[in-house]
Amino acid sequence: MAAYKAVLLHAYGQWICASAAILFFNVFGAVLLLQRKFFLKNTGRKLSHLDRQFQVGQIEMPAPSQDEERF
C-alpha cells in the first residue's frame, strides 16, 4: 500500500479529509452531550443557590487590607 499512497491520496484525499472532519464533529458532539448529561447535572441549581446567598448577604466578602492595596 505504501507504493500507492500518493495515488490514493490524490484520488481520495478530499473524501478522506471530509470523513475525518465528520467523524471529529460526531465524536466531539457525543463527548459534549455525555459531559453535559453526567458531569453538569445540578450546575444550575448550585449556581442559583450561590446567587441567592450573595443577594441575601449571608456571605460577606472580606475587605482587602491596606497591605494588599499597595501591590
Protein backbone atom coordinates (compact mmCIF):
# COMPACT_ATOMS: atom_id res chain seq x y z
CA MET A 1 0.00 0.00 0.00
CA ALA A 2 2.93 2.38 0.57
CA ALA A 3 3.67 2.41 -3.15
CA TYR A 4 0.14 3.63 -3.92
CA LYS A 5 -0.02 6.24 -1.14
CA ALA A 6 0.35 9.24 -3.45
CA VAL A 7 -2.21 7.86 -5.91
CA LEU A 8 -4.72 7.09 -3.15
CA LEU A 9 -4.30 10.50 -1.51
CA HIS A 10 -4.66 12.25 -4.86
CA ALA A 11 -7.76 10.29 -5.82
CA TYR A 12 -9.48 10.09 -2.42
CA GLY A 13 -7.83 12.85 -0.35
CA GLN A 14 -10.90 15.06 -0.26
CA TRP A 15 -13.14 12.18 0.80
CA ILE A 16 -10.68 11.14 3.50
CA CYS A 17 -10.49 14.71 4.89
CA ALA A 18 -14.26 15.14 4.77
CA SER A 19 -14.81 11.81 6.52
CA ALA A 20 -12.23 12.67 9.18
CA ALA A 21 -13.92 16.05 9.78
CA ILE A 22 -17.37 14.46 10.07
CA LEU A 23 -16.00 11.83 12.45
CA PHE A 24 -14.34 14.54 14.56
CA PHE A 25 -17.54 16.58 14.87
CA ASN A 26 -19.61 13.49 15.70
CA VAL A 27 -17.18 12.38 18.41
CA PHE A 28 -16.94 15.96 19.73
CA GLY A 29 -20.74 16.21 19.87
CA ALA A 30 -21.06 12.86 21.63
CA VAL A 31 -18.48 13.82 24.25
CA LEU A 32 -20.15 17.19 24.78
CA LEU A 33 -23.54 15.51 25.19
CA LEU A 34 -22.19 12.98 27.71
CA GLN A 35 -20.37 15.69 29.64
CA ARG A 36 -23.49 17.83 29.90
CA LYS A 37 -25.62 14.82 30.84
CA PHE A 38 -23.39 13.34 33.55
CA PHE A 39 -20.97 16.00 34.79
CA LEU A 40 -23.10 19.16 34.71
CA LYS A 41 -26.28 17.71 36.19
CA ASN A 42 -27.02 20.10 39.04
CA THR A 43 -24.96 23.09 37.98
CA GLY A 44 -27.91 25.45 37.56
CA ARG A 45 -29.30 24.58 40.95
CA LYS A 46 -25.91 25.04 42.62
CA LEU A 47 -25.34 28.38 40.93
CA SER A 48 -28.79 29.68 41.83
CA HIS A 49 -28.12 28.68 45.45
CA LEU A 50 -24.90 30.73 45.46
CA ASP A 51 -26.65 33.64 43.77
CA ARG A 52 -29.32 33.69 46.46
CA GLN A 53 -26.67 33.64 49.19
CA PHE A 54 -24.87 36.62 47.67
CA GLN A 55 -28.07 38.61 47.22
CA VAL A 56 -29.29 37.97 50.76
CA GLY A 57 -25.91 38.84 52.20
CA GLN A 58 -25.22 35.64 54.09
CA ILE A 59 -21.67 35.58 52.82
CA GLU A 60 -19.66 38.71 53.49
CA MET A 61 -16.62 39.27 51.37
CA PRO A 62 -13.67 40.47 53.47
CA ALA A 63 -12.36 43.93 52.65
CA PRO A 64 -8.80 43.96 51.31
CA SER A 65 -6.23 45.09 53.82
CA GLN A 66 -4.09 48.16 53.23
CA ASP A 67 -1.02 45.99 52.58
CA GLU A 68 -2.79 44.23 49.69
CA GLU A 69 -3.91 47.53 48.14
CA ARG A 70 -0.34 48.82 47.74
CA PHE A 71 0.66 46.00 45.42
